[in-house]
Every structure is written in structure tokens, then in C-alpha cells.
Amino acid sequence: MDVFSTPSAGRQRLFRCFALLCLILGTTVGAVAQDEPYEEIVVGFEIPKLVKQDMFVQFDGTTVYLPLTETFTLLGYFVEPVVTDNQIRGSLVNRSEKFSINLETFELKAPDLKYQLLSSDYYFINGELYLRIDLFQRLFALKMHFE
């Protein structure tokens, strides 16, 4: 069973467009600290005919980590970073089916899903959670790719 219910016709179109999502490497902005394997780069975030915007992401030389809150906001999904209890909460297509990520234990909870994020699954800096690109499909049924 999928994590979220079957989308409406309008959302199905978004999912079809989202399947065509293309992240195009733009320019390297510069490395983070030398002892960290990540660098911040700018990529083009694109869903044809819907969204086209540059986005800062984290890159470790092989894998791209997208900012969770910014990515969902661009897609028009509800995401609420709650600083007081170290949680990120939100909902995707069906607002009654919510997810949460505990920023102390890095555990994701959603209907029919509990997932413990491994240290290689995310990058957390300055209050922003960056998730490995392939996890968006695995956890939220949002297929993305990076070129």
C-alpha cells in the first residue's frame, strides 16, 4: 500500500510532470568547510510547465541532497518546521495523511511507514534538513533525478 492515497486528476498531472523532473547542475557555489565532504551547489529545479527555479543543494561528489522544506514548498505541499519540539511536520497530496520527522532521532513517521534515517540519508545544517534525492521517491512517492 502506498504511503499516501491516490491523487486527484489534478494531482495525477502533477505526478506525471514530476516524473519528468530534471535537476540540471548549474554552477558550483563553493565548498562548505574543508573537513566536510559536502559542497553547496546551485541546480535548476524543473517540472515542465509548472516550476522552474534555481535551488541550493548539498552535493558530496556523487549524491545530491535536496532541502526538504524548500522542495515541498515549491511543489505547493504543506510543510511546517517546528523548532520548539525539533519536528518537521507536513502533508503531501492528502492533507489528512501527515508525516513527521523527529530532528533529534531522525525518525520519519507517516501512515503505514516508519523509517529511521541513516547518517548517509540526510545532511542537517543551519536548521535545514537535506534528504538524499532517491529518498523522495522511497518515502514520499516523488520520483526525481539529477543530471
C-alpha atoms as a PDB file:
ATOM      1  CA  MET A   1       0.000   0.000   0.000  1.00  0.00           C
ATOM      2  CA  ASP A   2       1.311   3.457  -0.876  1.00  0.00           C
ATOM      3  CA  VAL A   3       2.102   5.911   1.860  1.00  0.00           C
ATOM      4  CA  PHE A   4      -0.449   8.389   0.510  1.00  0.00           C
ATOM      5  CA  SER A   5      -3.841   7.934  -1.172  1.00  0.00           C
ATOM      6  CA  THR A   6      -4.397   8.010  -4.905  1.00  0.00           C
ATOM      7  CA  PRO A   7      -4.191  11.611  -6.092  1.00  0.00           C
ATOM      8  CA  SER A   8      -6.984  13.515  -7.784  1.00  0.00           C
ATOM      9  CA  ALA A   9      -6.852  14.179 -11.537  1.00  0.00           C
ATOM     10  CA  GLY A  10      -5.078  17.496 -10.995  1.00  0.00           C
ATOM     11  CA  ARG A  11      -2.519  15.897  -8.749  1.00  0.00           C
ATOM     12  CA  GLN A  12      -2.061  12.990 -11.200  1.00  0.00           C
ATOM     13  CA  ARG A  13      -0.989  15.547 -13.793  1.00  0.00           C
ATOM     14  CA  LEU A  14       1.464  16.969 -11.288  1.00  0.00           C
ATOM     15  CA  PHE A  15       2.851  13.481 -10.648  1.00  0.00           C
ATOM     16  CA  ARG A  16       3.231  12.866 -14.400  1.00  0.00           C
ATOM     17  CA  CYS A  17       5.060  16.169 -14.738  1.00  0.00           C
ATOM     18  CA  PHE A  18       7.036  15.390 -11.642  1.00  0.00           C
ATOM     19  CA  ALA A  19       8.212  12.133 -13.205  1.00  0.00           C
ATOM     20  CA  LEU A  20       9.791  14.332 -15.859  1.00  0.00           C
ATOM     21  CA  LEU A  21      11.522  16.396 -13.217  1.00  0.00           C
ATOM     22  CA  CYS A  22      15.019  17.288 -14.230  1.00  0.00           C
ATOM     23  CA  LEU A  23      17.581  18.747 -11.922  1.00  0.00           C
ATOM     24  CA  ILE A  24      20.282  20.306 -14.056  1.00  0.00           C
ATOM     25  CA  LEU A  25      23.585  21.059 -12.479  1.00  0.00           C
ATOM     26  CA  GLY A  26      24.210  24.777 -12.565  1.00  0.00           C
ATOM     27  CA  THR A  27      27.239  26.338 -11.026  1.00  0.00           C
ATOM     28  CA  THR A  28      29.264  25.314  -8.054  1.00  0.00           C
ATOM     29  CA  VAL A  29      28.889  27.960  -5.398  1.00  0.00           C
ATOM     30  CA  GLY A  30      31.759  26.818  -3.204  1.00  0.00           C
ATOM     31  CA  ALA A  31      32.743  24.227  -0.726  1.00  0.00           C
ATOM     32  CA  VAL A  32      31.412  24.097   2.803  1.00  0.00           C
ATOM     33  CA  ALA A  33      34.128  23.563   5.415  1.00  0.00           C
ATOM     34  CA  GLN A  34      37.163  21.609   4.199  1.00  0.00           C
ATOM     35  CA  ASP A  35      36.658  18.828   6.746  1.00  0.00           C
ATOM     36  CA  GLU A  36      33.106  18.209   5.464  1.00  0.00           C
ATOM     37  CA  PRO A  37      32.587  16.168   2.287  1.00  0.00           C
ATOM     38  CA  TYR A  38      29.652  18.325   1.124  1.00  0.00           C
ATOM     39  CA  GLU A  39      29.616  21.383  -1.051  1.00  0.00           C
ATOM     40  CA  GLU A  40      26.716  23.706  -1.725  1.00  0.00           C
ATOM     41  CA  ILE A  41      25.837  23.941  -5.407  1.00  0.00           C
ATOM     42  CA  VAL A  42      23.041  25.553  -7.392  1.00  0.00           C
ATOM     43  CA  VAL A  43      20.821  23.353  -9.533  1.00  0.00           C
ATOM     44  CA  GLY A  44      17.869  24.077 -11.746  1.00  0.00           C
ATOM     45  CA  PHE A  45      14.714  22.552 -10.234  1.00  0.00           C
ATOM     46  CA  GLU A  46      12.224  21.974 -13.024  1.00  0.00           C
ATOM     47  CA  ILE A  47       8.813  20.439 -13.558  1.00  0.00           C
ATOM     48  CA  PRO A  48       7.951  21.256 -17.179  1.00  0.00           C
ATOM     49  CA  LYS A  49       5.187  23.867 -17.493  1.00  0.00           C
ATOM     50  CA  LEU A  50       4.831  24.166 -13.701  1.00  0.00           C
ATOM     51  CA  VAL A  51       8.012  25.114 -11.855  1.00  0.00           C
ATOM     52  CA  LYS A  52      11.442  26.270 -12.940  1.00  0.00           C
ATOM     53  CA  GLN A  53      13.682  27.706 -10.259  1.00  0.00           C
ATOM     54  CA  ASP A  54      17.270  27.582  -9.058  1.00  0.00           C
ATOM     55  CA  MET A  55      17.847  25.838  -5.739  1.00  0.00           C
ATOM     56  CA  PHE A  56      20.819  25.444  -3.404  1.00  0.00           C
ATOM     57  CA  VAL A  57      21.510  21.766  -2.676  1.00  0.00           C
ATOM     58  CA  GLN A  58      24.240  19.795  -0.930  1.00  0.00           C
ATOM     59  CA  PHE A  59      26.489  17.613  -3.085  1.00  0.00           C
ATOM     60  CA  ASP A  60      29.064  15.072  -1.897  1.00  0.00           C
ATOM     61  CA  GLY A  61      30.602  14.394  -5.310  1.00  0.00           C
ATOM     62  CA  THR A  62      28.159  11.625  -6.260  1.00  0.00           C
ATOM     63  CA  THR A  63      24.880  12.224  -4.441  1.00  0.00           C
ATOM     64  CA  VAL A  64      22.580  15.243  -4.296  1.00  0.00           C
ATOM     65  CA  TYR A  65      20.755  16.159  -1.094  1.00  0.00           C
ATOM     66  CA  LEU A  66      17.671  18.362  -1.586  1.00  0.00           C
ATOM     67  CA  PRO A  67      16.330  20.745   1.079  1.00  0.00           C
ATOM     68  CA  LEU A  68      13.121  19.101   2.268  1.00  0.00           C
ATOM     69  CA  THR A  69      11.165  22.219   3.259  1.00  0.00           C
ATOM     70  CA  GLU A  70      12.072  24.232   0.155  1.00  0.00           C
ATOM     71  CA  THR A  71      11.357  21.308  -2.198  1.00  0.00           C
ATOM     72  CA  PHE A  72       7.906  20.693  -0.735  1.00  0.00           C
ATOM     73  CA  THR A  73       7.119  24.410  -0.671  1.00  0.00           C
ATOM     74  CA  LEU A  74       7.944  24.671  -4.396  1.00  0.00           C
ATOM     75  CA  LEU A  75       5.512  21.818  -5.037  1.00  0.00           C
ATOM     76  CA  GLY A  76       2.768  23.528  -3.049  1.00  0.00           C
ATOM     77  CA  TYR A  77       2.768  20.940  -0.267  1.00  0.00           C
ATOM     78  CA  PHE A  78       2.258  21.847   3.355  1.00  0.00           C
ATOM     79  CA  VAL A  79       5.417  21.602   5.468  1.00  0.00           C
ATOM     80  CA  GLU A  80       5.801  23.102   8.908  1.00  0.00           C
ATOM     81  CA  PRO A  81       9.230  23.124  10.534  1.00  0.00           C
ATOM     82  CA  VAL A  82       8.523  23.219  14.253  1.00  0.00           C
ATOM     83  CA  VAL A  83      11.592  24.377  16.122  1.00  0.00           C
ATOM     84  CA  THR A  84      10.181  24.106  19.650  1.00  0.00           C
ATOM     85  CA  ASP A  85       9.930  20.319  19.673  1.00  0.00           C
ATOM     86  CA  ASN A  86      12.516  19.572  16.946  1.00  0.00           C
ATOM     87  CA  GLN A  87      10.000  18.280  14.418  1.00  0.00           C
ATOM     88  CA  ILE A  88       9.267  18.781  10.766  1.00  0.00           C
ATOM     89  CA  ARG A  89       5.616  18.066  10.019  1.00  0.00           C
ATOM     90  CA  GLY A  90       3.682  18.150   6.814  1.00  0.00           C
ATOM     91  CA  SER A  91       1.323  16.540   4.382  1.00  0.00           C
ATOM     92  CA  LEU A  92       1.524  15.909   0.675  1.00  0.00           C
ATOM     93  CA  VAL A  93      -1.403  15.094  -1.596  1.00  0.00           C
ATOM     94  CA  ASN A  94      -3.911  14.073   1.054  1.00  0.00           C
ATOM     95  CA  ARG A  95      -3.674  16.607   3.880  1.00  0.00           C
ATOM     96  CA  SER A  96      -5.298  14.182   6.330  1.00  0.00           C
ATOM     97  CA  GLU A  97      -2.325  11.809   5.970  1.00  0.00           C
ATOM     98  CA  LYS A  98       0.512  13.582   7.690  1.00  0.00           C
ATOM     99  CA  PHE A  99       4.184  12.840   8.158  1.00  0.00           C
ATOM    100  CA  SER A 100       6.688  13.955  10.768  1.00  0.00           C
ATOM    101  CA  ILE A 101      10.448  13.814  11.123  1.00  0.00           C
ATOM    102  CA  ASN A 102      11.995  13.989  14.562  1.00  0.00           C
ATOM    103  CA  LEU A 103      15.144  16.123  14.289  1.00  0.00           C
ATOM    104  CA  GLU A 104      16.706  14.552  17.388  1.00  0.00           C
ATOM    105  CA  THR A 105      16.332  10.883  16.407  1.00  0.00           C
ATOM    106  CA  PHE A 106      15.926  11.448  12.633  1.00  0.00           C
ATOM    107  CA  GLU A 107      12.989   9.071  12.506  1.00  0.00           C
ATOM    108  CA  LEU A 108      10.281   9.633   9.891  1.00  0.00           C
ATOM    109  CA  LYS A 109       6.707   8.613  10.678  1.00  0.00           C
ATOM    110  CA  ALA A 110       3.845   8.544   8.186  1.00  0.00           C
ATOM    111  CA  PRO A 111       0.733   6.397   7.786  1.00  0.00           C
ATOM    112  CA  ASP A 112       1.893   2.829   7.159  1.00  0.00           C
ATOM    113  CA  LEU A 113       5.547   3.874   7.333  1.00  0.00           C
ATOM    114  CA  LYS A 114       8.227   4.276   9.947  1.00  0.00           C
ATOM    115  CA  TYR A 115      11.746   4.917   8.666  1.00  0.00           C
ATOM    116  CA  GLN A 116      14.952   5.552  10.568  1.00  0.00           C
ATOM    117  CA  LEU A 117      17.138   7.899   8.537  1.00  0.00           C
ATOM    118  CA  LEU A 118      20.738   6.723   8.342  1.00  0.00           C
ATOM    119  CA  SER A 119      23.559   9.261   8.527  1.00  0.00           C
ATOM    120  CA  SER A 120      24.084   8.747   4.765  1.00  0.00           C
ATOM    121  CA  ASP A 121      20.404   9.565   4.066  1.00  0.00           C
ATOM    122  CA  TYR A 122      20.478  13.199   5.144  1.00  0.00           C
ATOM    123  CA  TYR A 123      22.527  16.298   5.781  1.00  0.00           C
ATOM    124  CA  PHE A 124      21.362  18.668   8.520  1.00  0.00           C
ATOM    125  CA  ILE A 125      22.841  22.177   8.656  1.00  0.00           C
ATOM    126  CA  ASN A 126      21.590  25.529   9.984  1.00  0.00           C
ATOM    127  CA  GLY A 127      18.162  24.092  10.821  1.00  0.00           C
ATOM    128  CA  GLU A 128      17.562  22.754   7.287  1.00  0.00           C
ATOM    129  CA  LEU A 129      17.183  19.047   6.586  1.00  0.00           C
ATOM    130  CA  TYR A 130      18.552  17.896   3.224  1.00  0.00           C
ATOM    131  CA  LEU A 131      17.439  14.433   2.071  1.00  0.00           C
ATOM    132  CA  ARG A 132      19.196  12.206  -0.426  1.00  0.00           C
ATOM    133  CA  ILE A 133      17.397  12.588  -3.764  1.00  0.00           C
ATOM    134  CA  ASP A 134      16.334   8.924  -4.088  1.00  0.00           C
ATOM    135  CA  LEU A 135      14.570   9.033  -0.710  1.00  0.00           C
ATOM    136  CA  PHE A 136      11.930  11.411  -2.067  1.00  0.00           C
ATOM    137  CA  GLN A 137      10.581   8.510  -4.145  1.00  0.00           C
ATOM    138  CA  ARG A 138      11.061   5.876  -1.469  1.00  0.00           C
ATOM    139  CA  LEU A 139       9.437   7.865   1.338  1.00  0.00           C
ATOM    140  CA  PHE A 140       7.055  10.264  -0.429  1.00  0.00           C
ATOM    141  CA  ALA A 141       6.427   8.640  -3.867  1.00  0.00           C
ATOM    142  CA  LEU A 142       8.045  11.643  -5.603  1.00  0.00           C
ATOM    143  CA  LYS A 143      10.393  10.445  -8.325  1.00  0.00           C
ATOM    144  CA  MET A 144      13.311  12.776  -9.062  1.00  0.00           C
ATOM    145  CA  HIS A 145      16.617  12.559 -10.851  1.00  0.00           C
ATOM    146  CA  PHE A 146      19.787  14.603 -11.137  1.00  0.00           C
ATOM    147  CA  GLU A 147      21.775  15.196 -14.317  1.00  0.00           C
END
